[in-house]
Amino acid sequence: MKYLNEINVSNKRVFIRADLNVPLTDELKVGDDTRIRAALDTILFVVNNGGSAIVSSHLGDPGGKRDASFSLKPVADYMSNLLKREVLFANDCVGPEVSKLAKALKPKEVLLLENLRFHPGEKANDEGFARELASLADIYINDAFATAHRAHASTVGMVKYSKLYAAGLTIKRELEYFNKAFEAPVHPFMAILGGAKVSTKIEVIRNLAKKADKILIGGAMANTFLAARGLQVGKSLFEPEQIETAQQVEGTLAETNKLLLPIDVIVASDISEPSSSKVVGIDAVPPHMTILDIGPKTIAMFKNELDIAKTIIWNGPMGAFEHKGFERGTYGIVDLLVNCKNALRVVGGGDTDRAIHEQHALEKLDFVSTAGGAFLKLLEGKKLPAIEALKAPGGAGGCC
């Protein structure tokens, strides 16, 4: 697979499939610009090397029809300020007017297309839609790592109709850090997993078990493992249908002692009343209460493991951190990682990313992925359709 920095973009129209799927406020203003900033390196590479950038993205899921509340126009305005240059905006992503705008672009100009998902052909990976998108430019660059696990028209379909294609600098950075952390980790290698469901992480655990020295588990997914041990979890969220699978996984890892579960938890009778919370051992969860966070002894146990780590991967919160009173476990992991200065620390996942931003720790870690689903797929050992498409014959060497 070739990357953008390996090809000549001078006097070329470059179609950049970026990930600008950012939250918008009620006033339709950009609420979090992390993904926009992540796309800037690729856009600037094109314009600084004499090319014109045709930027595209989805925003939310408007269901294949036009919906002003999902328009990318606020992103165009925001990008103009960040780039300190005008970002032209097209009211659609295909059609005669868009084609006219694209052809009129001069070197170093930037055009942002309207939401790709205003058209059903995007998610359907429709060949006609992909061909029309590809016709706008001389070069196709996919830089949307967060959507790389989806085979959509703008992430997979366009490759077939593009004579010259490569991956952008965001994808380059994402894959480089993932490979350092997972494919060739320096040991001891610790993995931290959280979130709500074991069912979405079982394959991740099995794949991590092949390389990680320890797998530290928190969040509601830990409740299923605790229940699989026969422990009382009260009214806590867990997956009864995953009990047998959890038992099998823990049994497989028992000899190596790789799997670490909470030893104490924070419970409450009502998530909206943190004053009702208390710390209990995992063998003393009251039947009328809910597990909502890991406890201080668990954080201390995790600290002992992370202190000796040379590589750390983290995905998923340790509890209901979005509710006041139950954020200490997740924020505690952020603090632990910030202080693990001798380890390579790679973090992925939307909720995890949110916690890092809330703790103002983004610049204090080695790498925070822009992706959730795509990051998990890599942890599972699965291939990403959009990345595989870019490896097809032709690539940045031109169409064969």
Protein backbone atom coordinates (compact mmCIF):
# COMPACT_ATOMS: atom_id res chain seq x y z
CA MET A 1 0.00 0.00 0.00
CA LYS A 2 1.25 3.46 -0.91
CA TYR A 3 0.83 6.65 1.08
CA LEU A 4 0.12 10.23 0.06
CA ASN A 5 3.64 11.43 0.82
CA GLU A 6 4.99 9.00 -1.79
CA ILE A 7 3.16 10.50 -4.78
CA ASN A 8 3.26 13.73 -6.78
CA VAL A 9 0.14 15.85 -6.31
CA SER A 10 1.33 19.00 -8.07
CA ASN A 11 -1.37 20.47 -10.34
CA LYS A 12 -3.61 17.50 -9.55
CA ARG A 13 -7.14 17.44 -8.16
CA VAL A 14 -6.97 15.18 -5.12
CA PHE A 15 -10.11 13.59 -3.69
CA ILE A 16 -9.60 13.14 0.07
CA ARG A 17 -12.03 10.87 1.88
CA ALA A 18 -11.60 12.30 5.37
CA ASP A 19 -13.42 11.54 8.61
CA LEU A 20 -15.13 14.78 9.60
CA ASN A 21 -17.92 13.04 11.51
CA VAL A 22 -17.83 15.48 14.42
CA PRO A 23 -20.50 16.30 17.00
CA LEU A 24 -22.51 19.45 16.35
CA THR A 25 -24.11 21.59 19.04
CA ASP A 26 -27.79 22.55 19.08
CA GLU A 27 -26.70 25.73 17.29
CA LEU A 28 -25.06 23.57 14.57
CA LYS A 29 -21.54 24.53 15.60
CA VAL A 30 -18.61 22.11 15.82
CA GLY A 31 -18.59 20.62 19.32
CA ASP A 32 -15.31 18.65 19.14
CA ASP A 33 -12.72 19.33 16.46
CA THR A 34 -10.41 16.36 17.08
CA ARG A 35 -11.21 14.61 13.82
CA ILE A 36 -11.02 17.84 11.83
CA ARG A 37 -7.55 18.54 13.20
CA ALA A 38 -6.50 14.96 12.43
CA ALA A 39 -7.38 15.53 8.76
CA LEU A 40 -5.37 18.75 8.42
CA ASP A 41 -1.99 17.11 7.76
CA THR A 42 -3.32 15.33 4.68
CA ILE A 43 -5.16 18.40 3.37
CA LEU A 44 -2.13 20.64 3.94
CA PHE A 45 0.20 18.16 2.28
CA VAL A 46 -1.88 18.40 -0.88
CA VAL A 47 -2.19 22.19 -0.99
CA ASN A 48 1.41 22.83 0.12
CA ASN A 49 2.62 20.62 -2.73
CA GLY A 50 0.62 22.41 -5.41
CA GLY A 51 -2.49 20.24 -5.56
CA SER A 52 -6.13 21.12 -5.03
CA ALA A 53 -8.04 19.25 -2.31
CA ILE A 54 -11.58 17.94 -2.78
CA VAL A 55 -12.51 16.84 0.73
CA SER A 56 -15.42 14.54 1.50
CA SER A 57 -16.93 12.91 4.57
CA HIS A 58 -20.11 11.66 6.15
CA LEU A 59 -21.64 13.26 9.23
CA GLY A 60 -24.01 11.14 11.30
CA ASP A 61 -26.55 9.01 9.48
CA PRO A 62 -29.28 11.03 7.73
CA GLY A 63 -30.68 7.84 6.19
CA GLY A 64 -29.73 8.45 2.59
CA LYS A 65 -31.65 11.71 2.25
CA ARG A 66 -30.90 15.39 2.60
CA ASP A 67 -31.25 16.73 6.14
CA ALA A 68 -29.94 20.21 7.01
CA SER A 69 -29.14 19.16 10.58
CA PHE A 70 -26.47 16.79 9.16
CA SER A 71 -24.91 19.31 6.77
CA LEU A 72 -21.13 19.68 6.65
CA LYS A 73 -21.39 23.44 6.07
CA PRO A 74 -20.47 24.22 9.72
CA VAL A 75 -17.38 22.04 9.25
CA ALA A 76 -16.39 24.00 6.14
CA ASP A 77 -16.58 27.25 8.10
CA TYR A 78 -14.59 25.75 10.96
CA MET A 79 -11.93 24.35 8.64
CA SER A 80 -11.51 27.75 7.02
CA ASN A 81 -10.44 29.17 10.37
CA LEU A 82 -8.06 26.29 11.11
CA LEU A 83 -6.46 26.35 7.67
CA LYS A 84 -6.42 30.15 7.52
CA ARG A 85 -7.74 29.98 3.97
CA GLU A 86 -11.18 29.83 2.40
CA VAL A 87 -12.72 26.39 2.22
CA LEU A 88 -15.19 26.34 -0.64
CA PHE A 89 -18.37 24.38 -0.01
CA ALA A 90 -20.45 22.35 -2.46
CA ASN A 91 -24.12 21.90 -1.67
CA ASP A 92 -23.92 18.29 -2.84
CA CYS A 93 -21.23 15.68 -3.38
CA VAL A 94 -22.16 14.63 -6.93
CA GLY A 95 -23.92 16.19 -9.91
CA PRO A 96 -23.16 18.77 -12.64
CA GLU A 97 -22.68 21.71 -10.28
CA VAL A 98 -20.24 19.77 -8.10
CA SER A 99 -18.33 18.58 -11.17
CA LYS A 100 -18.10 22.18 -12.40
CA LEU A 101 -16.76 23.36 -9.01
CA ALA A 102 -14.19 20.55 -8.92
CA LYS A 103 -12.91 21.23 -12.44
CA ALA A 104 -12.59 24.95 -11.70
CA LEU A 105 -10.37 24.38 -8.65
CA LYS A 106 -6.96 26.01 -8.80
CA PRO A 107 -3.82 24.63 -7.14
CA LYS A 108 -3.84 25.09 -3.36
CA GLU A 109 -7.62 25.54 -3.19
CA VAL A 110 -9.82 23.42 -0.90
CA LEU A 111 -13.38 22.30 -1.64
CA LEU A 112 -15.50 20.45 0.93
CA LEU A 113 -18.35 18.37 -0.45
CA GLU A 114 -21.71 17.98 1.25
CA ASN A 115 -22.49 14.92 3.40
CA LEU A 116 -21.89 11.71 1.44
CA ARG A 117 -24.71 9.98 3.30
CA PHE A 118 -27.32 12.30 1.82
CA HIS A 119 -27.19 9.67 -0.95
CA PRO A 120 -28.20 6.02 -0.34
CA GLY A 121 -25.48 4.97 -2.78
CA GLU A 122 -22.79 5.76 -0.21
CA LYS A 123 -23.65 3.08 2.35
CA ALA A 124 -24.81 0.70 -0.39
CA ASN A 125 -21.39 0.95 -2.07
CA ASP A 126 -23.23 1.69 -5.31
CA GLU A 127 -20.94 1.48 -8.33
CA GLY A 128 -22.56 4.39 -10.14
CA PHE A 129 -22.20 6.64 -7.12
CA ALA A 130 -18.58 5.56 -6.59
CA ARG A 131 -17.77 6.20 -10.26
CA GLU A 132 -19.30 9.68 -10.12
CA LEU A 133 -17.29 10.57 -7.02
CA ALA A 134 -14.08 9.29 -8.60
CA SER A 135 -14.68 11.38 -11.74
CA LEU A 136 -14.18 14.57 -9.71
CA ALA A 137 -10.44 14.12 -9.25
CA ASP A 138 -7.16 12.82 -10.64
CA ILE A 139 -6.09 11.09 -7.43
CA TYR A 140 -8.05 9.30 -4.69
CA ILE A 141 -6.79 9.42 -1.11
CA ASN A 142 -8.53 7.56 1.70
CA ASP A 143 -7.70 9.13 5.04
CA ALA A 144 -10.81 8.07 6.99
CA PHE A 145 -9.41 5.39 9.29
CA ALA A 146 -12.47 5.45 11.54
CA THR A 147 -14.60 4.20 8.63
CA ALA A 148 -12.05 1.70 7.29
CA HIS A 149 -14.09 -1.24 8.58
CA ARG A 150 -17.00 -0.27 6.31
CA ALA A 151 -17.23 -1.14 2.60
CA HIS A 152 -18.92 2.04 1.39
CA ALA A 153 -18.70 3.80 -1.97
CA SER A 154 -16.24 6.44 -0.75
CA THR A 155 -14.07 4.01 1.25
CA VAL A 156 -13.92 0.97 -1.05
CA GLY A 157 -15.93 1.51 -4.24
CA MET A 158 -13.98 4.52 -5.52
CA VAL A 159 -10.71 2.60 -5.75
CA LYS A 160 -12.01 0.64 -8.75
CA TYR A 161 -12.64 3.86 -10.67
CA SER A 162 -9.51 5.79 -9.65
CA LYS A 163 -6.34 5.58 -11.72
CA LEU A 164 -4.16 6.73 -8.86
CA TYR A 165 -4.89 6.01 -5.20
CA ALA A 166 -3.17 5.86 -1.83
CA ALA A 167 -3.73 6.15 1.90
CA GLY A 168 -3.59 9.49 3.67
CA LEU A 169 -1.36 10.57 6.54
CA THR A 170 -3.97 9.86 9.22
CA ILE A 171 -4.21 6.22 8.15
CA LYS A 172 -0.42 6.07 7.93
CA ARG A 173 -0.10 7.29 11.51
CA GLU A 174 -2.88 5.01 12.79
CA LEU A 175 -1.39 1.87 11.28
CA GLU A 176 2.16 2.74 12.34
CA TYR A 177 1.16 3.10 15.99
CA PHE A 178 -1.07 0.04 15.93
CA ASN A 179 1.74 -2.05 14.47
CA LYS A 180 4.18 -0.79 17.10
CA ALA A 181 1.77 -1.54 19.93
CA PHE A 182 0.26 -4.82 18.77
CA GLU A 183 2.21 -6.42 15.95
CA ALA A 184 5.64 -5.84 17.49
CA PRO A 185 5.10 -4.81 21.13
CA VAL A 186 7.91 -4.35 23.60
CA HIS A 187 7.17 -6.49 26.65
CA PRO A 188 5.71 -6.38 29.24
CA PHE A 189 2.65 -5.68 27.09
CA MET A 190 -0.55 -4.78 28.98
CA ALA A 191 -4.03 -4.46 27.47
CA ILE A 192 -6.88 -2.66 29.23
CA LEU A 193 -10.43 -3.39 28.10
CA GLY A 194 -13.68 -1.88 29.28
CA GLY A 195 -17.09 -0.95 28.00
CA ALA A 196 -20.52 -2.48 28.28
CA LYS A 197 -20.56 -5.79 26.43
CA VAL A 198 -18.38 -8.88 26.50
CA SER A 199 -19.99 -9.95 23.22
CA THR A 200 -18.27 -7.11 21.35
CA LYS A 201 -14.85 -7.83 22.89
CA ILE A 202 -14.58 -11.64 23.09
CA GLU A 203 -12.62 -11.90 19.85
CA VAL A 204 -10.45 -9.00 20.98
CA ILE A 205 -9.63 -10.83 24.23
CA ARG A 206 -8.81 -14.04 22.39
CA ASN A 207 -6.53 -12.24 19.96
CA LEU A 208 -4.84 -10.13 22.63
CA ALA A 209 -4.20 -13.28 24.68
CA LYS A 210 -1.76 -14.40 21.99
CA LYS A 211 0.57 -11.46 22.65
CA ALA A 212 -0.35 -9.53 25.80
CA ASP A 213 1.25 -10.38 29.13
CA LYS A 214 -1.84 -9.19 31.04
CA ILE A 215 -5.40 -8.25 30.07
CA LEU A 216 -7.02 -5.89 32.59
CA ILE A 217 -10.81 -5.82 32.40
CA GLY A 218 -13.25 -3.28 33.84
CA GLY A 219 -16.57 -1.73 32.91
CA ALA A 220 -19.86 -3.57 32.63
CA MET A 221 -18.19 -6.30 30.58
CA ALA A 222 -16.35 -7.35 33.75
CA ASN A 223 -19.76 -8.05 35.34
CA THR A 224 -20.35 -10.92 32.92
CA PHE A 225 -17.04 -12.49 33.94
CA LEU A 226 -17.90 -12.03 37.63
CA ALA A 227 -21.31 -13.63 37.08
CA ALA A 228 -19.58 -16.48 35.24
CA ARG A 229 -17.64 -17.13 38.45
CA GLY A 230 -20.93 -17.50 40.26
CA LEU A 231 -20.70 -14.14 42.01
CA GLN A 232 -23.70 -11.94 42.79
CA VAL A 233 -23.79 -8.86 40.53
CA GLY A 234 -27.09 -7.44 41.81
CA LYS A 235 -28.95 -5.34 39.26
CA SER A 236 -25.83 -4.70 37.22
CA LEU A 237 -25.71 -4.77 33.44
CA PHE A 238 -24.32 -8.09 32.22
CA GLU A 239 -24.93 -10.61 29.43
CA PRO A 240 -26.38 -13.90 30.69
CA GLU A 241 -26.08 -15.44 27.24
CA GLN A 242 -22.30 -14.86 27.38
CA ILE A 243 -21.74 -16.65 30.70
CA GLU A 244 -20.55 -19.89 29.11
CA THR A 245 -18.24 -18.03 26.71
CA ALA A 246 -16.77 -16.02 29.59
CA GLN A 247 -16.13 -19.23 31.52
CA GLN A 248 -14.38 -20.76 28.51
CA VAL A 249 -12.18 -17.70 27.99
CA GLU A 250 -11.22 -17.44 31.66
CA GLY A 251 -10.55 -21.17 31.76
CA THR A 252 -8.24 -20.93 28.78
CA LEU A 253 -6.29 -18.07 30.36
CA ALA A 254 -6.27 -19.44 33.91
CA GLU A 255 -2.90 -21.18 33.63
CA THR A 256 -1.10 -18.08 32.40
CA ASN A 257 -2.95 -15.78 34.83
CA LYS A 258 -3.31 -13.24 32.02
CA LEU A 259 -6.84 -12.12 32.84
CA LEU A 260 -7.25 -9.60 35.67
CA LEU A 261 -10.77 -8.75 36.85
CA PRO A 262 -11.83 -6.17 39.46
CA ILE A 263 -11.37 -7.11 43.10
CA ASP A 264 -13.61 -4.32 44.36
CA VAL A 265 -16.31 -2.18 42.77
CA ILE A 266 -18.43 0.89 43.36
CA VAL A 267 -22.13 0.13 43.64
CA ALA A 268 -25.19 2.34 43.98
CA SER A 269 -28.93 1.88 44.33
CA ASP A 270 -29.55 4.61 41.75
CA ILE A 271 -27.17 5.92 39.09
CA SER A 272 -28.68 9.38 39.45
CA GLU A 273 -27.87 9.42 43.17
CA PRO A 274 -24.10 9.06 43.65
CA SER A 275 -24.60 9.69 47.37
CA SER A 276 -26.07 6.17 47.54
CA SER A 277 -22.81 4.65 46.31
CA LYS A 278 -20.30 2.63 48.30
CA VAL A 279 -17.24 0.47 47.73
CA VAL A 280 -17.62 -3.28 48.16
CA GLY A 281 -15.61 -6.39 47.39
CA ILE A 282 -16.70 -8.38 44.36
CA ASP A 283 -18.06 -11.07 46.67
CA ALA A 284 -20.26 -8.59 48.55
CA VAL A 285 -22.42 -6.87 45.93
CA PRO A 286 -25.90 -6.27 47.44
CA PRO A 287 -28.70 -7.83 45.34
CA HIS A 288 -30.58 -4.50 45.09
CA MET A 289 -27.55 -2.46 43.91
CA THR A 290 -25.76 -1.88 40.60
CA ILE A 291 -22.03 -2.05 39.82
CA LEU A 292 -21.10 1.28 38.20
CA ASP A 293 -17.31 1.55 38.49
CA ILE A 294 -14.16 -0.24 39.56
CA GLY A 295 -12.99 0.36 43.11
CA PRO A 296 -9.77 1.82 44.58
CA LYS A 297 -8.16 -1.56 45.28
CA THR A 298 -8.70 -2.54 41.65
CA ILE A 299 -7.10 0.70 40.46
CA ALA A 300 -4.13 -0.02 42.76
CA MET A 301 -3.87 -3.57 41.38
CA PHE A 302 -3.96 -2.26 37.82
CA LYS A 303 -1.30 0.31 38.72
CA ASN A 304 1.08 -2.43 39.83
CA GLU A 305 0.81 -4.06 36.42
CA LEU A 306 0.98 -0.85 34.39
CA ASP A 307 4.00 0.45 36.30
CA ILE A 308 6.20 -2.26 34.75
CA ALA A 309 4.66 -2.06 31.26
CA LYS A 310 6.58 -1.14 28.13
CA THR A 311 3.52 -1.26 25.87
CA ILE A 312 -0.09 -0.46 26.79
CA ILE A 313 -3.26 -0.61 24.67
CA TRP A 314 -6.51 0.71 26.15
CA ASN A 315 -10.05 0.44 24.79
CA GLY A 316 -13.23 1.10 26.75
CA PRO A 317 -14.18 2.91 29.99
CA MET A 318 -14.04 1.31 33.44
CA GLY A 319 -17.57 2.30 34.41
CA ALA A 320 -20.41 4.75 33.89
CA PHE A 321 -17.95 7.66 33.80
CA GLU A 322 -20.44 9.92 32.03
CA HIS A 323 -22.39 10.05 35.31
CA LYS A 324 -21.00 12.16 38.13
CA GLY A 325 -19.70 10.02 40.98
CA PHE A 326 -18.75 7.06 38.78
CA GLU A 327 -15.87 8.53 36.79
CA ARG A 328 -13.00 7.73 39.18
CA GLY A 329 -12.11 4.38 37.65
CA THR A 330 -11.93 5.64 34.06
CA TYR A 331 -10.21 8.87 35.00
CA GLY A 332 -7.91 6.85 37.23
CA ILE A 333 -6.76 4.80 34.22
CA VAL A 334 -6.13 8.05 32.31
CA ASP A 335 -3.93 9.24 35.18
CA LEU A 336 -2.08 5.93 35.35
CA LEU A 337 -1.31 6.02 31.64
CA VAL A 338 -0.14 9.63 31.80
CA ASN A 339 2.38 8.56 34.45
CA CYS A 340 3.56 5.46 32.55
CA LYS A 341 6.21 7.48 30.76
CA ASN A 342 8.41 4.47 29.96
CA ALA A 343 5.65 2.71 28.00
CA LEU A 344 4.22 3.18 24.52
CA ARG A 345 0.58 4.10 25.23
CA VAL A 346 -1.96 3.63 22.45
CA VAL A 347 -5.65 4.32 23.09
CA GLY A 348 -8.69 3.72 20.90
CA GLY A 349 -12.47 3.99 21.18
CA GLY A 350 -14.98 6.82 21.25
CA ASP A 351 -15.82 6.73 24.96
CA THR A 352 -12.19 6.25 25.92
CA ASP A 353 -11.24 9.19 23.71
CA ARG A 354 -13.90 11.31 25.41
CA ALA A 355 -12.49 10.55 28.86
CA ILE A 356 -9.00 11.54 27.72
CA HIS A 357 -10.29 14.84 26.40
CA GLU A 358 -12.19 15.53 29.60
CA GLN A 359 -8.96 14.97 31.54
CA HIS A 360 -6.98 17.15 29.09
CA ALA A 361 -4.58 14.25 28.56
CA LEU A 362 -4.52 14.03 24.75
CA GLU A 363 -1.05 15.53 24.41
CA LYS A 364 0.29 13.48 27.33
CA LEU A 365 -0.17 10.07 25.67
CA ASP A 366 1.71 8.62 22.72
CA PHE A 367 -1.26 8.06 20.44
CA VAL A 368 -5.04 8.34 20.64
CA SER A 369 -6.82 6.74 17.70
CA THR A 370 -9.59 8.58 15.87
CA ALA A 371 -11.43 5.27 15.53
CA GLY A 372 -13.67 3.00 17.55
CA GLY A 373 -14.99 0.17 15.38
CA ALA A 374 -11.97 0.04 13.06
CA PHE A 375 -9.60 -0.04 16.05
CA LEU A 376 -11.54 -2.97 17.54
CA LYS A 377 -11.46 -4.86 14.24
CA LEU A 378 -7.68 -4.59 14.16
CA LEU A 379 -7.50 -5.80 17.77
CA GLU A 380 -9.61 -8.78 16.70
CA GLY A 381 -7.03 -9.56 14.03
CA LYS A 382 -9.50 -8.79 11.25
CA LYS A 383 -8.73 -7.05 7.98
CA LEU A 384 -10.28 -3.68 7.20
CA PRO A 385 -12.08 -3.50 3.80
CA ALA A 386 -10.92 0.04 3.04
CA ILE A 387 -7.29 -0.80 3.78
CA GLU A 388 -7.44 -3.97 1.72
CA ALA A 389 -8.92 -2.00 -1.20
CA LEU A 390 -5.91 0.33 -1.17
CA LYS A 391 -3.61 -2.70 -1.44
CA ALA A 392 -5.22 -3.75 -4.73
CA PRO A 393 -3.03 -3.81 -7.88
CA GLY A 394 -2.50 -0.32 -9.20
CA GLY A 395 -2.16 1.77 -6.08
CA ALA A 396 -0.01 4.86 -6.25
CA GLY A 397 1.77 3.38 -9.21
CA GLY A 398 -1.20 4.02 -11.43
CA CYS A 399 -3.91 1.79 -12.81
CA CYS A 400 -2.59 -1.44 -14.26
